[in-house]
């Protein structure tokens, strides 16, 4: 997936392992949830995450980490909360318990998912939440100094804290948060596996139902229904048909299935907050030689990405290796069209897109436990595009896939 929640019209190598739960192609059947035994992240694991963050803060002489509603708040505290104009924010001090500042009428709901103890401090509608945050810092013994703000925190919150007190310097928290979130635990990997199991099975079920005249909207609705039936929470079901498949996020021009249509589906779901991201492309009816050639080239691109993935190599070199092969086949050069106009992949976990990224110039060393998508598509404006995408994680023995790569144009799932 190239961007979350976008709904337009929608050779011999080192061994690559395939995760548990992958089933071979089968006819559509009654849907049975695959996630009944999903184990949520424990409070103990979340407390361990906080302890690691606190250790990193101490090393960097940071007084507290500020995290507003979003995936990092869930990661550290368990709180699942949407963003709005009303501030909900956690103060994670370098030493001591977490303190959450939230609207008073939301306090009971916020407490429901807070797993790590600490305190919830409410603010009423007529009160200034930033003054509450500053007072909370003081109550934790942080009367000045350096605060680290999680990278997605909105500017009005940072500005509000600065206005409430000039005693604090606020810096980016990326070195702290990334150090915690980059490497997935066994519990996280298990949830990612389940999310991928749901999506690949839903794709299998939906492909069997595609017929002449259907629109991308029709197919996307089938995908969402199958995802729910299999126990996942739909995150996105992007369906690109015909010429629209040449544009990674589609076209506003209506498209329907006809003989020879290229069908590109890019879909994902969440299980306990952890996301999948899988793309499959096939042709309705007989494929022509050009479609087949491009499909096979993209499949080879996926394989090259996995062959290049070795411990300690810069993750950007994976993108470079794929792009070098594509250029040898006449695509590009670089990010130019026709060819591969986007990065080869992205990190994935609680967010559909997370660092690091499989893109030229990303020097992050590849480590065991990092998770990525592998999606080196090829796009030909005015004609069609092909994208194949599977997610994988790094191990000491090499990359391990959550789902098997597509076998062929005729057997894409």
Protein backbone atom coordinates (compact mmCIF):
# COMPACT_ATOMS: atom_id res chain seq x y z
CA UNK A 1 0.00 0.00 0.00
CA UNK A 2 1.33 3.43 -0.89
CA UNK A 3 -0.90 5.52 1.35
CA UNK A 4 -3.49 4.64 3.99
CA UNK A 5 -7.23 5.02 3.49
CA UNK A 6 -7.17 6.17 -0.13
CA UNK A 7 -10.21 4.90 -2.02
CA UNK A 8 -10.07 6.03 -5.66
CA UNK A 9 -11.60 3.96 -8.52
CA UNK A 10 -10.75 1.76 -7.67
CA UNK A 11 16.17 -17.13 -9.93
CA UNK A 12 18.08 -19.18 -7.40
CA UNK A 13 18.54 -17.23 -4.25
CA UNK A 14 18.87 -17.50 -0.50
CA UNK A 15 15.80 -19.27 0.83
CA UNK A 16 12.83 -17.13 1.78
CA UNK A 17 10.58 -18.68 4.42
CA UNK A 18 6.80 -18.42 4.39
CA UNK A 19 4.92 -17.69 7.62
CA UNK A 20 2.32 -19.96 9.16
CA UNK A 21 -1.30 -19.74 8.12
CA UNK A 22 -0.82 -19.54 4.33
CA UNK A 23 -3.33 -21.72 2.49
CA UNK A 24 -3.13 -22.76 -1.16
CA UNK A 25 -5.72 -21.61 -3.68
CA UNK A 26 -9.16 -23.02 -3.05
CA UNK A 27 -12.71 -22.39 -4.18
CA UNK A 28 -14.74 -19.86 -2.19
CA UNK A 29 -16.11 -21.36 0.99
CA UNK A 30 -18.00 -20.38 4.10
CA UNK A 31 -15.98 -17.81 5.99
CA UNK A 32 -14.71 -18.66 9.44
CA UNK A 33 -12.82 -16.15 11.60
CA UNK A 34 -9.08 -16.72 11.63
CA UNK A 35 -8.43 -14.42 14.57
CA UNK A 36 -10.35 -16.04 17.43
CA UNK A 37 -7.12 -16.97 19.20
CA UNK A 38 -5.38 -13.63 18.64
CA UNK A 39 -3.48 -12.65 21.77
CA UNK A 40 -3.37 -8.92 22.53
CA UNK A 41 -0.15 -7.23 23.56
CA UNK A 42 0.23 -7.71 27.30
CA UNK A 43 0.48 -4.99 29.92
CA UNK A 44 3.86 -6.43 30.86
CA UNK A 45 5.18 -5.95 27.32
CA UNK A 46 3.91 -2.36 27.24
CA UNK A 47 5.61 -1.61 30.55
CA UNK A 48 8.82 -3.01 29.08
CA UNK A 49 8.48 -0.61 26.17
CA UNK A 50 8.10 2.30 28.57
CA UNK A 51 11.15 1.19 30.54
CA UNK A 52 13.21 1.12 27.35
CA UNK A 53 11.99 4.59 26.40
CA UNK A 54 12.80 5.86 29.88
CA UNK A 55 16.32 4.45 29.66
CA UNK A 56 16.83 6.22 26.33
CA UNK A 57 15.47 9.47 27.79
CA UNK A 58 17.89 9.26 30.70
CA UNK A 59 20.80 8.74 28.29
CA UNK A 60 19.74 11.82 26.30
CA UNK A 61 18.91 13.98 29.34
CA UNK A 62 15.25 14.24 28.28
CA UNK A 63 12.74 14.87 31.05
CA UNK A 64 9.67 13.34 29.42
CA UNK A 65 8.24 11.94 26.21
CA UNK A 66 5.02 13.56 24.96
CA UNK A 67 2.71 11.29 22.94
CA UNK A 68 -0.72 12.30 21.69
CA UNK A 69 -3.50 10.03 20.41
CA UNK A 70 -2.32 7.66 17.72
CA UNK A 71 -0.31 4.52 17.20
CA UNK A 72 2.54 5.46 19.54
CA UNK A 73 0.10 6.18 22.36
CA UNK A 74 -1.37 2.72 21.81
CA UNK A 75 2.11 1.20 21.54
CA UNK A 76 3.25 2.46 24.93
CA UNK A 77 0.03 2.60 26.97
CA UNK A 78 -2.63 0.48 25.23
CA UNK A 79 -4.90 3.52 24.81
CA UNK A 80 -6.71 3.45 21.47
CA UNK A 81 -8.01 6.92 20.86
CA UNK A 82 -8.87 9.04 17.86
CA UNK A 83 -7.48 12.51 17.26
CA UNK A 84 -9.73 15.55 17.37
CA UNK A 85 -9.46 19.22 18.26
CA UNK A 86 -9.59 18.13 21.92
CA UNK A 87 -6.16 17.16 23.20
CA UNK A 88 -5.48 13.74 24.66
CA UNK A 89 -1.80 13.33 25.50
CA UNK A 90 0.40 11.05 27.58
CA UNK A 91 3.38 12.28 29.55
CA UNK A 92 5.92 9.48 29.89
CA UNK A 93 8.54 10.78 32.32
CA UNK A 94 12.13 9.61 32.34
CA UNK A 95 11.36 8.23 35.79
CA UNK A 96 7.99 7.53 37.34
CA UNK A 97 4.48 6.72 36.21
CA UNK A 98 2.66 7.76 33.06
CA UNK A 99 0.21 10.64 33.26
CA UNK A 100 -2.57 11.07 30.66
CA UNK A 101 -4.32 14.39 30.09
CA UNK A 102 -7.71 14.04 28.38
CA UNK A 103 -11.13 15.73 28.18
CA UNK A 104 -13.16 15.04 31.33
CA UNK A 105 -16.08 13.48 29.48
CA UNK A 106 -13.66 11.08 27.73
CA UNK A 107 -11.91 9.97 30.92
CA UNK A 108 -13.89 6.73 31.47
CA UNK A 109 -13.32 5.63 27.87
CA UNK A 110 -9.60 6.42 27.99
CA UNK A 111 -9.19 4.50 31.25
CA UNK A 112 -10.73 1.39 29.62
CA UNK A 113 -7.65 0.75 27.48
CA UNK A 114 -4.90 2.23 29.69
CA UNK A 115 -2.84 -0.86 30.54
CA UNK A 116 0.23 0.50 32.25
CA UNK A 117 -1.06 2.18 35.37
CA UNK A 118 -0.32 5.81 36.11
CA UNK A 119 -2.88 8.57 36.35
CA UNK A 120 -5.52 10.18 34.13
CA UNK A 121 -5.94 13.91 34.60
CA UNK A 122 -9.14 15.32 33.05
CA UNK A 123 -9.73 18.83 31.77
CA UNK A 124 -13.17 20.41 31.40
CA UNK A 125 -14.30 22.13 28.24
CA UNK A 126 -13.68 25.63 29.59
CA UNK A 127 -10.14 24.78 30.77
CA UNK A 128 -6.79 25.01 28.99
CA UNK A 129 -5.42 21.48 28.43
CA UNK A 130 -1.89 22.79 27.95
CA UNK A 131 -1.85 24.28 31.41
CA UNK A 132 -2.92 20.84 32.68
CA UNK A 133 -0.02 19.26 30.78
CA UNK A 134 2.48 21.72 32.24
CA UNK A 135 1.11 21.15 35.73
CA UNK A 136 1.35 17.41 35.16
CA UNK A 137 5.01 17.78 34.22
CA UNK A 138 5.68 19.80 37.37
CA UNK A 139 3.87 17.21 39.47
CA UNK A 140 6.24 14.60 38.03
CA UNK A 141 9.17 16.75 39.13
CA UNK A 142 9.89 18.10 35.64
CA UNK A 143 9.90 21.84 36.18
CA UNK A 144 11.99 22.69 33.13
CA UNK A 145 14.48 21.25 30.66
CA UNK A 146 14.10 19.12 27.55
CA UNK A 147 10.92 17.37 26.44
CA UNK A 148 10.75 15.00 23.46
CA UNK A 149 7.64 15.16 21.26
CA UNK A 150 6.62 12.10 19.23
CA UNK A 151 7.02 12.97 15.57
CA UNK A 152 3.33 13.00 14.60
CA UNK A 153 2.24 15.30 17.43
CA UNK A 154 0.32 18.24 15.98
CA UNK A 155 1.83 21.69 16.03
CA UNK A 156 -1.00 23.34 17.94
CA UNK A 157 -0.24 21.05 20.90
CA UNK A 158 3.47 21.89 20.89
CA UNK A 159 2.64 25.59 20.52
CA UNK A 160 0.11 25.38 23.34
CA UNK A 161 2.65 23.85 25.73
CA UNK A 162 5.22 26.48 24.80
CA UNK A 163 2.68 29.22 25.43
CA UNK A 164 1.74 27.71 28.80
CA UNK A 165 5.40 27.63 29.89
CA UNK A 166 8.69 28.85 28.50
CA UNK A 167 10.63 26.58 30.86
CA UNK A 168 10.79 23.67 28.39
CA UNK A 169 12.73 22.99 25.22
CA UNK A 170 10.78 20.62 22.97
CA UNK A 171 12.75 18.41 20.58
CA UNK A 172 11.80 15.55 18.21
CA UNK A 173 11.47 12.14 19.86
CA UNK A 174 12.39 10.04 16.82
CA UNK A 175 15.61 8.60 18.33
CA UNK A 176 13.60 7.36 21.31
CA UNK A 177 10.39 6.17 19.66
CA UNK A 178 12.04 4.62 16.62
CA UNK A 179 14.48 2.69 18.79
CA UNK A 180 11.49 1.11 20.53
CA UNK A 181 9.17 0.52 17.57
CA UNK A 182 11.54 -0.57 14.77
CA UNK A 183 12.07 -4.09 16.09
CA UNK A 184 8.90 -6.17 16.45
CA UNK A 185 8.48 -8.60 19.32
CA UNK A 186 7.22 -12.18 18.89
CA UNK A 187 3.78 -11.03 20.07
CA UNK A 188 3.72 -8.29 17.44
CA UNK A 189 4.86 -10.68 14.71
CA UNK A 190 2.09 -13.13 15.64
CA UNK A 191 -0.56 -10.40 15.21
CA UNK A 192 0.98 -9.27 11.92
CA UNK A 193 0.87 -12.87 10.72
CA UNK A 194 -2.83 -13.13 11.52
CA UNK A 195 -3.60 -9.86 9.73
CA UNK A 196 -1.80 -11.11 6.63
CA UNK A 197 -3.56 -14.48 6.86
CA UNK A 198 -6.92 -12.71 6.83
CA UNK A 199 -6.09 -10.47 3.87
CA UNK A 200 -4.65 -13.19 1.63
CA UNK A 201 -7.63 -15.46 2.31
CA UNK A 202 -10.07 -12.61 1.66
CA UNK A 203 -8.33 -11.90 -1.64
CA UNK A 204 -8.63 -15.57 -2.56
CA UNK A 205 -12.34 -15.52 -1.82
CA UNK A 206 -12.98 -12.28 -3.70
CA UNK A 207 -11.02 -13.24 -6.82
CA UNK A 208 -13.36 -16.20 -7.31
CA UNK A 209 -16.34 -13.80 -7.33
CA UNK A 210 -15.09 -11.21 -9.84
CA UNK A 211 -17.21 -11.10 -12.99
CA UNK A 212 -17.79 -9.03 -16.14
CA UNK A 213 -19.22 -5.56 -15.59
CA UNK A 214 -18.20 -5.22 -11.94
CA UNK A 215 -16.74 -1.91 -10.79
CA UNK A 216 -13.88 -1.32 -8.40
CA UNK A 217 -16.42 -0.26 -5.80
CA UNK A 218 -18.27 -3.56 -6.19
CA UNK A 219 -15.08 -5.55 -5.71
CA UNK A 220 -13.91 -3.43 -2.78
CA UNK A 221 -17.22 -4.05 -0.99
CA UNK A 222 -16.74 -7.80 -1.41
CA UNK A 223 -13.24 -7.48 0.02
CA UNK A 224 -14.42 -5.58 3.09
CA UNK A 225 -17.18 -8.12 3.71
CA UNK A 226 -14.77 -11.06 3.42
CA UNK A 227 -12.25 -9.36 5.71
CA UNK A 228 -14.87 -8.89 8.42
CA UNK A 229 -16.06 -12.49 8.00
CA UNK A 230 -12.51 -13.72 8.49
CA UNK A 231 -12.08 -11.72 11.69
CA UNK A 232 -10.13 -8.66 10.53
CA UNK A 233 -10.93 -4.97 10.65
CA UNK A 234 -10.79 -3.53 7.10
CA UNK A 235 -8.27 -0.71 6.73
CA UNK A 236 -8.31 -0.18 2.94
CA UNK A 237 -9.54 -2.03 -0.15
CA UNK A 238 -8.11 -0.25 -3.18
CA UNK A 239 -9.27 -1.75 -6.49
CA UNK A 240 -7.77 -0.36 -9.72
CA UNK A 241 -9.09 -1.55 -13.08
CA UNK A 242 -7.76 -1.21 -16.62
CA UNK A 243 -6.01 2.13 -17.24
CA UNK A 244 -6.54 3.14 -13.60
CA UNK A 245 -4.03 0.47 -12.58
CA UNK A 246 -1.29 2.57 -14.23
CA UNK A 247 -1.69 5.15 -11.46
CA UNK A 248 -0.60 3.77 -8.07
CA UNK A 249 -3.62 5.29 -6.33
CA UNK A 250 -6.01 5.09 -9.25
CA UNK A 251 -8.11 7.48 -11.30
CA UNK A 252 -11.44 9.26 -10.83
CA UNK A 253 -12.60 7.89 -14.20
CA UNK A 254 -15.07 4.99 -13.75
CA UNK A 255 -13.79 1.59 -14.82
CA UNK A 256 -15.48 -1.80 -15.06
CA UNK A 257 -14.37 -5.36 -15.72
CA UNK A 258 -14.13 -6.42 -19.35
CA UNK A 259 -12.28 -9.18 -21.16
CA UNK A 260 -8.56 -8.50 -20.83
CA UNK A 261 -8.98 -6.13 -17.88
CA UNK A 262 -6.03 -5.67 -15.56
CA UNK A 263 -7.29 -5.97 -11.97
CA UNK A 264 -5.02 -4.54 -9.27
CA UNK A 265 -6.12 -5.01 -5.66
CA UNK A 266 -4.18 -3.43 -2.79
CA UNK A 267 -5.79 -4.36 0.53
CA UNK A 268 -5.11 -4.50 4.23
CA UNK A 269 -6.74 -5.09 7.58
CA UNK A 270 -5.90 -4.78 11.25
CA UNK A 271 -5.83 -7.42 13.98
CA UNK A 272 -5.44 -5.96 17.48
CA UNK A 273 -4.19 -2.82 15.74
CA UNK A 274 -1.44 -4.53 13.67
CA UNK A 275 -1.81 -4.16 9.92
CA UNK A 276 -1.43 -6.21 6.76
CA UNK A 277 -0.73 -4.86 3.28
CA UNK A 278 -1.01 -7.16 0.26
CA UNK A 279 -1.36 -6.41 -3.46
CA UNK A 280 -2.27 -8.80 -6.24
CA UNK A 281 -2.69 -8.11 -9.94
CA UNK A 282 -4.17 -10.40 -12.56
CA UNK A 283 -5.96 -10.25 -15.91
CA UNK A 284 -9.62 -11.09 -16.42
CA UNK A 285 -9.56 -13.61 -19.25
CA UNK A 286 -6.51 -14.23 -21.48
CA UNK A 287 -3.52 -11.97 -20.87
CA UNK A 288 -1.59 -10.48 -23.75
CA UNK A 289 2.18 -10.78 -24.13
CA UNK A 290 2.89 -7.28 -22.78
CA UNK A 291 0.80 -7.82 -19.66
CA UNK A 292 2.52 -11.14 -19.03
CA UNK A 293 6.00 -9.70 -19.54
CA UNK A 294 5.42 -6.84 -17.10
CA UNK A 295 3.82 -9.15 -14.51
CA UNK A 296 6.83 -11.49 -14.64
CA UNK A 297 9.23 -8.55 -14.35
CA UNK A 298 7.49 -7.32 -11.20
CA UNK A 299 7.57 -10.79 -9.69
CA UNK A 300 11.30 -10.91 -10.36
CA UNK A 301 11.61 -7.49 -8.73
CA UNK A 302 10.00 -8.85 -5.58
CA UNK A 303 12.45 -11.75 -5.56
CA UNK A 304 15.45 -9.45 -6.00
CA UNK A 305 14.30 -7.32 -3.07
CA UNK A 306 14.25 -10.38 -0.82
CA UNK A 307 17.57 -11.68 -2.13
CA UNK A 308 19.19 -8.34 -1.34
CA UNK A 309 17.81 -8.27 2.22
CA UNK A 310 20.75 -9.24 4.42
CA UNK A 311 21.54 -8.28 7.99
CA UNK A 312 23.24 -4.90 8.38
CA UNK A 313 22.86 -3.80 4.75
CA UNK A 314 21.35 -0.30 4.35
CA UNK A 315 17.65 -0.81 3.66
CA UNK A 316 17.88 1.66 0.76
CA UNK A 317 20.15 -0.76 -1.11
CA UNK A 318 17.14 -3.06 -1.55
CA UNK A 319 15.42 -0.39 -3.61
CA UNK A 320 18.63 0.25 -5.55
CA UNK A 321 18.95 -3.42 -6.50
CA UNK A 322 15.38 -3.63 -7.81
CA UNK A 323 15.71 -0.39 -9.75
CA UNK A 324 18.97 -1.54 -11.34
CA UNK A 325 17.22 -4.66 -12.64
CA UNK A 326 14.25 -2.66 -13.93
CA UNK A 327 16.56 -0.29 -15.77
CA UNK A 328 18.25 -3.27 -17.44
CA UNK A 329 14.78 -4.22 -18.70
CA UNK A 330 14.18 -0.76 -20.15
CA UNK A 331 12.12 0.82 -17.37
CA UNK A 332 12.86 4.16 -15.75
CA UNK A 333 15.60 5.22 -15.28
CA UNK A 334 15.33 5.88 -11.59
CA UNK A 335 11.84 6.86 -10.51
CA UNK A 336 10.72 7.94 -13.98
CA UNK A 337 7.69 6.50 -15.76
CA UNK A 338 7.04 4.12 -17.33
CA UNK A 339 8.62 2.15 -14.52
CA UNK A 340 8.69 2.14 -10.72
CA UNK A 341 7.72 5.63 -9.54
CA UNK A 342 7.53 4.85 -5.81
CA UNK A 343 9.76 3.16 -3.23
CA UNK A 344 10.15 -0.62 -3.19
CA UNK A 345 8.59 -0.94 0.26
CA UNK A 346 7.86 0.54 3.66
CA UNK A 347 7.99 -0.50 7.27
CA UNK A 348 4.74 -1.80 8.76
CA UNK A 349 3.30 -2.55 12.19
CA UNK A 350 0.71 -0.54 14.11
CA UNK A 351 0.86 1.91 11.19
CA UNK A 352 0.45 0.87 7.58
CA UNK A 353 3.53 2.96 6.82
CA UNK A 354 6.36 3.09 9.32
CA UNK A 355 10.10 3.76 9.11
CA UNK A 356 12.45 2.62 7.85
CA UNK A 357 11.67 2.68 4.12
CA UNK A 358 13.00 0.65 1.20
CA UNK A 359 13.92 3.77 -0.73
CA UNK A 360 17.14 5.09 -2.25
CA UNK A 361 19.19 6.87 0.38
CA UNK A 362 17.74 5.26 3.53
CA UNK A 363 20.89 4.14 5.34
CA UNK A 364 19.17 2.37 8.25
CA UNK A 365 20.96 -0.98 8.77
CA UNK A 366 18.65 -3.96 8.34
CA UNK A 367 18.11 -5.75 11.66
CA UNK A 368 16.29 -8.88 12.74
CA UNK A 369 12.72 -8.03 13.73
CA UNK A 370 12.20 -5.21 11.24
CA UNK A 371 9.05 -5.59 9.11
CA UNK A 372 8.47 -4.33 5.58
CA UNK A 373 6.28 -4.50 2.51
CA UNK A 374 7.81 -5.68 -0.80
CA UNK A 375 5.95 -3.89 -3.62
CA UNK A 376 8.10 -2.95 -6.63
CA UNK A 377 5.31 -2.20 -9.13
CA UNK A 378 5.66 -1.10 -12.74
CA UNK A 379 3.28 1.54 -14.16
CA UNK A 380 2.69 2.45 -17.82
CA UNK A 381 0.54 5.61 -18.03
CA UNK A 382 -2.32 5.24 -20.50
CA UNK A 383 -2.05 1.45 -20.49
CA UNK A 384 -1.92 -0.46 -17.20
CA UNK A 385 0.13 -1.11 -14.08
CA UNK A 386 1.20 -4.21 -12.20
CA UNK A 387 1.78 -4.31 -8.44
CA UNK A 388 2.56 -7.39 -6.38
CA UNK A 389 3.03 -6.87 -2.66
CA UNK A 390 3.75 -9.12 0.29
CA UNK A 391 5.01 -8.29 3.77
CA UNK A 392 8.03 -9.85 5.43
CA UNK A 393 10.26 -9.53 8.45
CA UNK A 394 13.96 -10.00 8.91
CA UNK A 395 15.42 -12.91 10.88
CA UNK A 396 18.97 -14.03 11.60
CA UNK A 397 18.52 -16.60 8.81
CA UNK A 398 17.18 -14.11 6.26
CA UNK A 399 13.83 -12.58 5.29
CA UNK A 400 10.66 -14.44 6.22
CA UNK A 401 7.44 -13.83 4.34
CA UNK A 402 4.06 -13.57 6.03
CA UNK A 403 2.45 -14.71 2.75
CA UNK A 404 3.89 -16.58 -0.22
CA UNK A 405 4.74 -14.61 -3.34
CA UNK A 406 2.26 -14.93 -6.20
CA UNK A 407 2.98 -18.05 -8.21
CA UNK A 408 2.03 -16.85 -11.68
CA UNK A 409 -0.29 -14.53 -13.57
CA UNK A 410 -2.83 -17.37 -13.67
CA UNK A 411 -2.31 -18.24 -10.00
CA UNK A 412 -1.72 -14.89 -8.28
CA UNK A 413 -3.04 -16.02 -4.89
